[in-house]
Amino acid sequence: MNTNDIIKLLMQQDYTEKEAIVTAQELSELSPQLEALFCQWVENGSEGDYTAEEFTLLELKQKFDMTYPAALLTIDWLLKDPQVAKVAICSGVR
């Protein structure tokens, strides 16, 4: 799926066009361990789970009312910068 298709998919999830463009770019830079989960979501809407720093994708999605792509990006943040991300998430910042 190309970037334009991902933007359209995100806009179907109630992202504005601007948000969809930025989010699509960020999703293209996901950590390798999250790429398969993202591809599954794009292909068939399935929402697999993943744990990083004691947080799970589905927990973040539910607790903070996030979309699946937003939860993926949050888990990616936890993988790339766990110290800062954990503090922010525990403070309620997404």
PDB file of N, CA and C in Angstrom:
ATOM      1  N   MET A   1       0.850  -1.171   0.000  1.00  0.00           N
ATOM      2  CA  MET A   1       0.000   0.000   0.000  1.00  0.00           C
ATOM      3  C   MET A   1       0.899   1.240   0.000  1.00  0.00           C
ATOM      4  N   ASN A   2       0.587   2.172  -0.854  1.00  0.00           N
ATOM      5  CA  ASN A   2       1.426   3.369  -0.937  1.00  0.00           C
ATOM      6  C   ASN A   2       0.958   4.442   0.060  1.00  0.00           C
ATOM      7  N   THR A   3       1.727   5.487   0.161  1.00  0.00           N
ATOM      8  CA  THR A   3       1.455   6.544   1.135  1.00  0.00           C
ATOM      9  C   THR A   3       0.074   7.175   0.934  1.00  0.00           C
ATOM     10  N   ASN A   4      -0.312   7.410  -0.309  1.00  0.00           N
ATOM     11  CA  ASN A   4      -1.624   8.013  -0.563  1.00  0.00           C
ATOM     12  C   ASN A   4      -2.756   7.120  -0.074  1.00  0.00           C
ATOM     13  N   ASP A   5      -2.603   5.806  -0.241  1.00  0.00           N
ATOM     14  CA  ASP A   5      -3.617   4.871   0.247  1.00  0.00           C
ATOM     15  C   ASP A   5      -3.690   4.902   1.775  1.00  0.00           C
ATOM     16  N   ILE A   6      -2.536   5.008   2.407  1.00  0.00           N
ATOM     17  CA  ILE A   6      -2.505   5.068   3.875  1.00  0.00           C
ATOM     18  C   ILE A   6      -3.147   6.366   4.352  1.00  0.00           C
ATOM     19  N   ILE A   7      -2.893   7.458   3.669  1.00  0.00           N
ATOM     20  CA  ILE A   7      -3.520   8.741   4.017  1.00  0.00           C
ATOM     21  C   ILE A   7      -5.033   8.624   3.915  1.00  0.00           C
ATOM     22  N   LYS A   8      -5.519   8.016   2.857  1.00  0.00           N
ATOM     23  CA  LYS A   8      -6.973   7.828   2.694  1.00  0.00           C
ATOM     24  C   LYS A   8      -7.535   6.962   3.807  1.00  0.00           C
ATOM     25  N   LEU A   9      -6.815   5.906   4.155  1.00  0.00           N
ATOM     26  CA  LEU A   9      -7.254   5.021   5.232  1.00  0.00           C
ATOM     27  C   LEU A   9      -7.314   5.770   6.561  1.00  0.00           C
ATOM     28  N   LEU A  10      -6.315   6.590   6.828  1.00  0.00           N
ATOM     29  CA  LEU A  10      -6.309   7.374   8.062  1.00  0.00           C
ATOM     30  C   LEU A  10      -7.454   8.387   8.076  1.00  0.00           C
ATOM     31  N   MET A  11      -7.739   8.969   6.944  1.00  0.00           N
ATOM     32  CA  MET A  11      -8.844   9.931   6.881  1.00  0.00           C
ATOM     33  C   MET A  11     -10.187   9.230   7.128  1.00  0.00           C
ATOM     34  N   GLN A  12     -10.282   7.957   6.785  1.00  0.00           N
ATOM     35  CA  GLN A  12     -11.486   7.180   7.107  1.00  0.00           C
ATOM     36  C   GLN A  12     -11.595   6.946   8.611  1.00  0.00           C
ATOM     37  N   GLN A  13     -10.482   7.104   9.318  1.00  0.00           N
ATOM     38  CA  GLN A  13     -10.438   6.960  10.772  1.00  0.00           C
ATOM     39  C   GLN A  13     -10.628   8.320  11.464  1.00  0.00           C
ATOM     40  N   ASP A  14     -11.133   9.288  10.728  1.00  0.00           N
ATOM     41  CA  ASP A  14     -11.422  10.633  11.228  1.00  0.00           C
ATOM     42  C   ASP A  14     -10.193  11.510  11.450  1.00  0.00           C
ATOM     43  N   TYR A  15      -9.089  11.193  10.800  1.00  0.00           N
ATOM     44  CA  TYR A  15      -7.945  12.094  10.792  1.00  0.00           C
ATOM     45  C   TYR A  15      -8.240  13.191   9.765  1.00  0.00           C
ATOM     46  N   THR A  16      -7.813  14.406  10.057  1.00  0.00           N
ATOM     47  CA  THR A  16      -7.904  15.444   9.033  1.00  0.00           C
ATOM     48  C   THR A  16      -6.853  15.117   7.967  1.00  0.00           C
ATOM     49  N   GLU A  17      -6.931  15.778   6.831  1.00  0.00           N
ATOM     50  CA  GLU A  17      -5.952  15.506   5.782  1.00  0.00           C
ATOM     51  C   GLU A  17      -4.540  15.800   6.269  1.00  0.00           C
ATOM     52  N   LYS A  18      -4.379  16.925   6.962  1.00  0.00           N
ATOM     53  CA  LYS A  18      -3.055  17.300   7.478  1.00  0.00           C
ATOM     54  C   LYS A  18      -2.555  16.266   8.488  1.00  0.00           C
ATOM     55  N   GLU A  19      -3.416  15.860   9.423  1.00  0.00           N
ATOM     56  CA  GLU A  19      -3.034  14.851  10.411  1.00  0.00           C
ATOM     57  C   GLU A  19      -2.675  13.532   9.728  1.00  0.00           C
ATOM     58  N   ALA A  20      -3.437  13.170   8.713  1.00  0.00           N
ATOM     59  CA  ALA A  20      -3.212  11.915   7.996  1.00  0.00           C
ATOM     60  C   ALA A  20      -1.858  11.930   7.284  1.00  0.00           C
ATOM     61  N   ILE A  21      -1.509  13.051   6.688  1.00  0.00           N
ATOM     62  CA  ILE A  21      -0.229  13.162   5.990  1.00  0.00           C
ATOM     63  C   ILE A  21       0.928  13.015   6.970  1.00  0.00           C
ATOM     64  N   VAL A  22       0.855  13.726   8.088  1.00  0.00           N
ATOM     65  CA  VAL A  22       1.917  13.657   9.103  1.00  0.00           C
ATOM     66  C   VAL A  22       1.995  12.249   9.694  1.00  0.00           C
ATOM     67  N   THR A  23       0.853  11.679  10.013  1.00  0.00           N
ATOM     68  CA  THR A  23       0.818  10.350  10.624  1.00  0.00           C
ATOM     69  C   THR A  23       1.335   9.288   9.663  1.00  0.00           C
ATOM     70  N   ALA A  24       0.969   9.383   8.399  1.00  0.00           N
ATOM     71  CA  ALA A  24       1.457   8.431   7.400  1.00  0.00           C
ATOM     72  C   ALA A  24       2.982   8.481   7.316  1.00  0.00           C
ATOM     73  N   GLN A  25       3.539   9.668   7.368  1.00  0.00           N
ATOM     74  CA  GLN A  25       4.999   9.813   7.341  1.00  0.00           C
ATOM     75  C   GLN A  25       5.625   9.168   8.573  1.00  0.00           C
ATOM     76  N   GLU A  26       5.051   9.425   9.741  1.00  0.00           N
ATOM     77  CA  GLU A  26       5.579   8.845  10.973  1.00  0.00           C
ATOM     78  C   GLU A  26       5.467   7.321  10.952  1.00  0.00           C
ATOM     79  N   LEU A  27       4.358   6.807  10.418  1.00  0.00           N
ATOM     80  CA  LEU A  27       4.175   5.357  10.345  1.00  0.00           C
ATOM     81  C   LEU A  27       5.169   4.707   9.393  1.00  0.00           C
ATOM     82  N   SER A  28       5.641   5.450   8.418  1.00  0.00           N
ATOM     83  CA  SER A  28       6.624   4.895   7.484  1.00  0.00           C
ATOM     84  C   SER A  28       7.985   4.706   8.153  1.00  0.00           C
ATOM     85  N   GLU A  29       8.151   5.261   9.346  1.00  0.00           N
ATOM     86  CA  GLU A  29       9.412   5.174  10.081  1.00  0.00           C
ATOM     87  C   GLU A  29       9.299   4.314  11.341  1.00  0.00           C
ATOM     88  N   LEU A  30       8.293   3.433  11.392  1.00  0.00           N
ATOM     89  CA  LEU A  30       8.095   2.566  12.555  1.00  0.00           C
ATOM     90  C   LEU A  30       9.296   1.652  12.779  1.00  0.00           C
ATOM     91  N   SER A  31       9.498   1.294  14.027  1.00  0.00           N
ATOM     92  CA  SER A  31      10.512   0.299  14.364  1.00  0.00           C
ATOM     93  C   SER A  31      10.171  -1.005  13.646  1.00  0.00           C
ATOM     94  N   PRO A  32      11.191  -1.750  13.227  1.00  0.00           N
ATOM     95  CA  PRO A  32      10.950  -2.984  12.472  1.00  0.00           C
ATOM     96  C   PRO A  32      10.003  -3.973  13.157  1.00  0.00           C
ATOM     97  N   GLN A  33      10.063  -4.047  14.473  1.00  0.00           N
ATOM     98  CA  GLN A  33       9.220  -5.014  15.175  1.00  0.00           C
ATOM     99  C   GLN A  33       7.728  -4.655  15.124  1.00  0.00           C
ATOM    100  N   LEU A  34       7.380  -3.450  14.706  1.00  0.00           N
ATOM    101  CA  LEU A  34       5.979  -3.027  14.618  1.00  0.00           C
ATOM    102  C   LEU A  34       5.448  -3.040  13.180  1.00  0.00           C
ATOM    103  N   GLU A  35       6.335  -3.197  12.222  1.00  0.00           N
ATOM    104  CA  GLU A  35       5.927  -3.118  10.819  1.00  0.00           C
ATOM    105  C   GLU A  35       4.879  -4.150  10.439  1.00  0.00           C
ATOM    106  N   ALA A  36       5.021  -5.387  10.905  1.00  0.00           N
ATOM    107  CA  ALA A  36       4.054  -6.437  10.559  1.00  0.00           C
ATOM    108  C   ALA A  36       2.675  -6.117  11.118  1.00  0.00           C
ATOM    109  N   LEU A  37       2.629  -5.580  12.338  1.00  0.00           N
ATOM    110  CA  LEU A  37       1.339  -5.203  12.939  1.00  0.00           C
ATOM    111  C   LEU A  37       0.668  -4.101  12.126  1.00  0.00           C
ATOM    112  N   PHE A  38       1.460  -3.132  11.691  1.00  0.00           N
ATOM    113  CA  PHE A  38       0.926  -2.049  10.881  1.00  0.00           C
ATOM    114  C   PHE A  38       0.403  -2.585   9.546  1.00  0.00           C
ATOM    115  N   CYS A  39       1.169  -3.451   8.911  1.00  0.00           N
ATOM    116  CA  CYS A  39       0.755  -4.021   7.621  1.00  0.00           C
ATOM    117  C   CYS A  39      -0.543  -4.813   7.754  1.00  0.00           C
ATOM    118  N   GLN A  40      -0.676  -5.572   8.832  1.00  0.00           N
ATOM    119  CA  GLN A  40      -1.912  -6.330   9.061  1.00  0.00           C
ATOM    120  C   GLN A  40      -3.092  -5.384   9.222  1.00  0.00           C
ATOM    121  N   TRP A  41      -2.892  -4.296   9.941  1.00  0.00           N
ATOM    122  CA  TRP A  41      -3.970  -3.323  10.129  1.00  0.00           C
ATOM    123  C   TRP A  41      -4.371  -2.704   8.795  1.00  0.00           C
ATOM    124  N   VAL A  42      -3.382  -2.345   7.995  1.00  0.00           N
ATOM    125  CA  VAL A  42      -3.653  -1.749   6.688  1.00  0.00           C
ATOM    126  C   VAL A  42      -4.397  -2.731   5.790  1.00  0.00           C
ATOM    127  N   GLU A  43      -3.959  -3.981   5.783  1.00  0.00           N
ATOM    128  CA  GLU A  43      -4.519  -4.975   4.876  1.00  0.00           C
ATOM    129  C   GLU A  43      -5.921  -5.425   5.250  1.00  0.00           C
ATOM    130  N   ASN A  44      -6.165  -5.638   6.554  1.00  0.00           N
ATOM    131  CA  ASN A  44      -7.467  -6.200   6.916  1.00  0.00           C
ATOM    132  C   ASN A  44      -8.097  -5.626   8.181  1.00  0.00           C
ATOM    133  N   GLY A  45      -7.495  -4.578   8.723  1.00  0.00           N
ATOM    134  CA  GLY A  45      -8.065  -3.930   9.897  1.00  0.00           C
ATOM    135  C   GLY A  45      -7.793  -4.637  11.212  1.00  0.00           C
ATOM    136  N   SER A  46      -7.017  -5.726  11.182  1.00  0.00           N
ATOM    137  CA  SER A  46      -6.755  -6.438  12.435  1.00  0.00           C
ATOM    138  C   SER A  46      -5.837  -5.611  13.329  1.00  0.00           C
ATOM    139  N   GLU A  47      -6.085  -5.718  14.620  1.00  0.00           N
ATOM    140  CA  GLU A  47      -5.337  -4.932  15.604  1.00  0.00           C
ATOM    141  C   GLU A  47      -4.608  -5.872  16.552  1.00  0.00           C
ATOM    142  N   GLY A  48      -3.410  -6.264  16.141  1.00  0.00           N
ATOM    143  CA  GLY A  48      -2.594  -7.120  16.986  1.00  0.00           C
ATOM    144  C   GLY A  48      -2.024  -6.334  18.155  1.00  0.00           C
ATOM    145  N   ASP A  49      -1.561  -7.060  19.148  1.00  0.00           N
ATOM    146  CA  ASP A  49      -1.040  -6.409  20.345  1.00  0.00           C
ATOM    147  C   ASP A  49       0.478  -6.547  20.403  1.00  0.00           C
ATOM    148  N   TYR A  50       1.096  -5.666  21.163  1.00  0.00           N
ATOM    149  CA  TYR A  50       2.541  -5.656  21.349  1.00  0.00           C
ATOM    150  C   TYR A  50       2.814  -4.974  22.683  1.00  0.00           C
ATOM    151  N   THR A  51       3.813  -5.436  23.399  1.00  0.00           N
ATOM    152  CA  THR A  51       4.165  -4.854  24.694  1.00  0.00           C
ATOM    153  C   THR A  51       5.546  -4.230  24.629  1.00  0.00           C
ATOM    154  N   ALA A  52       5.638  -3.017  25.162  1.00  0.00           N
ATOM    155  CA  ALA A  52       6.922  -2.322  25.292  1.00  0.00           C
ATOM    156  C   ALA A  52       6.901  -1.550  26.600  1.00  0.00           C
ATOM    157  N   GLU A  53       7.934  -1.735  27.394  1.00  0.00           N
ATOM    158  CA  GLU A  53       8.058  -1.005  28.667  1.00  0.00           C
ATOM    159  C   GLU A  53       6.793  -1.133  29.524  1.00  0.00           C
ATOM    160  N   GLU A  54       6.243  -2.338  29.562  1.00  0.00           N
ATOM    161  CA  GLU A  54       5.063  -2.657  30.373  1.00  0.00           C
ATOM    162  C   GLU A  54       3.757  -2.029  29.875  1.00  0.00           C
ATOM    163  N   PHE A  55       3.760  -1.437  28.715  1.00  0.00           N
ATOM    164  CA  PHE A  55       2.545  -0.909  28.100  1.00  0.00           C
ATOM    165  C   PHE A  55       2.221  -1.779  26.894  1.00  0.00           C
ATOM    166  N   THR A  56       0.927  -1.979  26.650  1.00  0.00           N
ATOM    167  CA  THR A  56       0.538  -2.719  25.460  1.00  0.00           C
ATOM    168  C   THR A  56      -0.190  -1.785  24.504  1.00  0.00           C
ATOM    169  N   LEU A  57      -0.160  -2.148  23.242  1.00  0.00           N
ATOM    170  CA  LEU A  57      -0.864  -1.372  22.217  1.00  0.00           C
ATOM    171  C   LEU A  57      -2.336  -1.218  22.563  1.00  0.00           C
ATOM    172  N   LEU A  58      -2.965  -2.340  22.852  1.00  0.00           N
ATOM    173  CA  LEU A  58      -4.413  -2.296  23.083  1.00  0.00           C
ATOM    174  C   LEU A  58      -4.765  -1.567  24.371  1.00  0.00           C
ATOM    175  N   GLU A  59      -3.897  -1.655  25.367  1.00  0.00           N
ATOM    176  CA  GLU A  59      -4.101  -0.904  26.616  1.00  0.00           C
ATOM    177  C   GLU A  59      -4.042   0.601  26.344  1.00  0.00           C
ATOM    178  N   LEU A  60      -3.037   1.039  25.613  1.00  0.00           N
ATOM    179  CA  LEU A  60      -2.909   2.466  25.283  1.00  0.00           C
ATOM    180  C   LEU A  60      -4.109   2.941  24.479  1.00  0.00           C
ATOM    181  N   LYS A  61      -4.516   2.123  23.525  1.00  0.00           N
ATOM    182  CA  LYS A  61      -5.653   2.466  22.675  1.00  0.00           C
ATOM    183  C   LYS A  61      -6.903   2.686  23.526  1.00  0.00           C
ATOM    184  N   GLN A  62      -7.148   1.774  24.436  1.00  0.00           N
ATOM    185  CA  GLN A  62      -8.339   1.864  25.276  1.00  0.00           C
ATOM    186  C   GLN A  62      -8.221   2.972  26.328  1.00  0.00           C
ATOM    187  N   LYS A  63      -7.127   2.999  27.051  1.00  0.00           N
ATOM    188  CA  LYS A  63      -6.964   3.939  28.162  1.00  0.00           C
ATOM    189  C   LYS A  63      -6.982   5.396  27.704  1.00  0.00           C
ATOM    190  N   PHE A  64      -6.366   5.666  26.552  1.00  0.00           N
ATOM    191  CA  PHE A  64      -6.263   7.041  26.081  1.00  0.00           C
ATOM    192  C   PHE A  64      -7.165   7.337  24.884  1.00  0.00           C
ATOM    193  N   ASP A  65      -8.064   6.393  24.584  1.00  0.00           N
ATOM    194  CA  ASP A  65      -8.998   6.551  23.465  1.00  0.00           C
ATOM    195  C   ASP A  65      -8.247   6.891  22.175  1.00  0.00           C
ATOM    196  N   MET A  66      -7.204   6.115  21.899  1.00  0.00           N
ATOM    197  CA  MET A  66      -6.367   6.329  20.711  1.00  0.00           C
ATOM    198  C   MET A  66      -6.864   5.480  19.557  1.00  0.00           C
ATOM    199  N   THR A  67      -6.547   5.919  18.356  1.00  0.00           N
ATOM    200  CA  THR A  67      -6.716   5.058  17.203  1.00  0.00           C
ATOM    201  C   THR A  67      -5.591   4.035  17.231  1.00  0.00           C
ATOM    202  N   TYR A  68      -5.734   2.973  16.468  1.00  0.00           N
ATOM    203  CA  TYR A  68      -4.670   1.968  16.415  1.00  0.00           C
ATOM    204  C   TYR A  68      -3.366   2.565  15.892  1.00  0.00           C
ATOM    205  N   PRO A  69      -3.393   3.382  14.823  1.00  0.00           N
ATOM    206  CA  PRO A  69      -2.130   3.995  14.380  1.00  0.00           C
ATOM    207  C   PRO A  69      -1.478   4.866  15.460  1.00  0.00           C
ATOM    208  N   ALA A  70      -2.273   5.597  16.228  1.00  0.00           N
ATOM    209  CA  ALA A  70      -1.713   6.427  17.300  1.00  0.00           C
ATOM    210  C   ALA A  70      -1.069   5.559  18.372  1.00  0.00           C
ATOM    211  N   ALA A  71      -1.709   4.445  18.703  1.00  0.00           N
ATOM    212  CA  ALA A  71      -1.139   3.532  19.689  1.00  0.00           C
ATOM    213  C   ALA A  71       0.158   2.910  19.155  1.00  0.00           C
ATOM    214  N   LEU A  72       0.184   2.576  17.872  1.00  0.00           N
ATOM    215  CA  LEU A  72       1.417   2.063  17.267  1.00  0.00           C
ATOM    216  C   LEU A  72       2.549   3.072  17.398  1.00  0.00           C
ATOM    217  N   LEU A  73       2.251   4.322  17.129  1.00  0.00           N
ATOM    218  CA  LEU A  73       3.274   5.366  17.222  1.00  0.00           C
ATOM    219  C   LEU A  73       3.722   5.583  18.667  1.00  0.00           C
ATOM    220  N   THR A  74       2.819   5.411  19.607  1.00  0.00           N
ATOM    221  CA  THR A  74       3.179   5.561  21.015  1.00  0.00           C
ATOM    222  C   THR A  74       4.094   4.420  21.453  1.00  0.00           C
ATOM    223  N   ILE A  75       3.770   3.198  21.040  1.00  0.00           N
ATOM    224  CA  ILE A  75       4.643   2.061  21.339  1.00  0.00           C
ATOM    225  C   ILE A  75       6.005   2.255  20.666  1.00  0.00           C
ATOM    226  N   ASP A  76       5.993   2.775  19.457  1.00  0.00           N
ATOM    227  CA  ASP A  76       7.243   3.060  18.751  1.00  0.00           C
ATOM    228  C   ASP A  76       8.089   4.059  19.543  1.00  0.00           C
ATOM    229  N   TRP A  77       7.448   5.068  20.089  1.00  0.00           N
ATOM    230  CA  TRP A  77       8.130   6.061  20.926  1.00  0.00           C
ATOM    231  C   TRP A  77       8.747   5.376  22.150  1.00  0.00           C
ATOM    232  N   LEU A  78       7.975   4.463  22.761  1.00  0.00           N
ATOM    233  CA  LEU A  78       8.493   3.727  23.917  1.00  0.00           C
ATOM    234  C   LEU A  78       9.726   2.896  23.551  1.00  0.00           C
ATOM    235  N   LEU A  79       9.730   2.360  22.345  1.00  0.00           N
ATOM    236  CA  LEU A  79      10.882   1.576  21.904  1.00  0.00           C
ATOM    237  C   LEU A  79      12.099   2.459  21.636  1.00  0.00           C
ATOM    238  N   LYS A  80      11.861   3.631  21.085  1.00  0.00           N
ATOM    239  CA  LYS A  80      12.957   4.506  20.668  1.00  0.00           C
ATOM    240  C   LYS A  80      13.466   5.423  21.780  1.00  0.00           C
ATOM    241  N   ASP A  81      12.601   5.836  22.693  1.00  0.00           N
ATOM    242  CA  ASP A  81      12.987   6.769  23.756  1.00  0.00           C
ATOM    243  C   ASP A  81      12.200   6.439  25.030  1.00  0.00           C
ATOM    244  N   PRO A  82      12.466   5.271  25.606  1.00  0.00           N
ATOM    245  CA  PRO A  82      11.638   4.798  26.719  1.00  0.00           C
ATOM    246  C   PRO A  82      11.590   5.718  27.933  1.00  0.00           C
ATOM    247  N   GLN A  83      12.701   6.350  28.274  1.00  0.00           N
ATOM    248  CA  GLN A  83      12.726   7.207  29.462  1.00  0.00           C
ATOM    249  C   GLN A  83      11.707   8.344  29.348  1.00  0.00           C
ATOM    250  N   VAL A  84      11.770   9.071  28.266  1.00  0.00           N
ATOM    251  CA  VAL A  84      10.885  10.233  28.064  1.00  0.00           C
ATOM    252  C   VAL A  84       9.451   9.778  27.838  1.00  0.00           C
ATOM    253  N   ALA A  85       9.277   8.738  27.019  1.00  0.00           N
ATOM    254  CA  ALA A  85       7.926   8.284  26.679  1.00  0.00           C
ATOM    255  C   ALA A  85       7.179   7.776  27.914  1.00  0.00           C
ATOM    256  N   LYS A  86       7.852   7.005  28.757  1.00  0.00           N
ATOM    257  CA  LYS A  86       7.196   6.470  29.962  1.00  0.00           C
ATOM    258  C   LYS A  86       6.712   7.595  30.867  1.00  0.00           C
ATOM    259  N   VAL A  87       7.547   8.592  31.089  1.00  0.00           N
ATOM    260  CA  VAL A  87       7.165   9.724  31.946  1.00  0.00           C
ATOM    261  C   VAL A  87       5.945  10.429  31.351  1.00  0.00           C
ATOM    262  N   ALA A  88       5.974  10.682  30.055  1.00  0.00           N
ATOM    263  CA  ALA A  88       4.877  11.384  29.406  1.00  0.00           C
ATOM    264  C   ALA A  88       3.583  10.583  29.464  1.00  0.00           C
ATOM    265  N   ILE A  89       3.666   9.293  29.206  1.00  0.00           N
ATOM    266  CA  ILE A  89       2.467   8.460  29.222  1.00  0.00           C
ATOM    267  C   ILE A  89       1.905   8.368  30.642  1.00  0.00           C
ATOM    268  N   CYS A  90       2.766   8.181  31.619  1.00  0.00           N
ATOM    269  CA  CYS A  90       2.302   8.108  33.005  1.00  0.00           C
ATOM    270  C   CYS A  90       1.694   9.428  33.477  1.00  0.00           C
ATOM    271  N   SER A  91       2.076  10.520  32.837  1.00  0.00           N
ATOM    272  CA  SER A  91       1.510  11.821  33.176  1.00  0.00           C
ATOM    273  C   SER A  91       0.224  12.093  32.399  1.00  0.00           C
ATOM    274  N   GLY A  92      -0.135  11.171  31.529  1.00  0.00           N
ATOM    275  CA  GLY A  92      -1.362  11.322  30.762  1.00  0.00           C
ATOM    276  C   GLY A  92      -1.156  12.023  29.426  1.00  0.00           C
ATOM    277  N   VAL A  93       0.083  12.316  29.075  1.00  0.00           N
ATOM    278  CA  VAL A  93       0.376  12.971  27.796  1.00  0.00           C
ATOM    279  C   VAL A  93       0.524  11.895  26.752  1.00  0.00           C
ATOM    280  N   ARG A  94      -0.096  12.103  25.595  1.00  0.00           N
ATOM    281  CA  ARG A  94       0.014  11.126  24.517  1.00  0.00           C
ATOM    282  C   ARG A  94       0.834  11.714  23.410  1.00  0.00           C
TER     283      ARG A  94
END
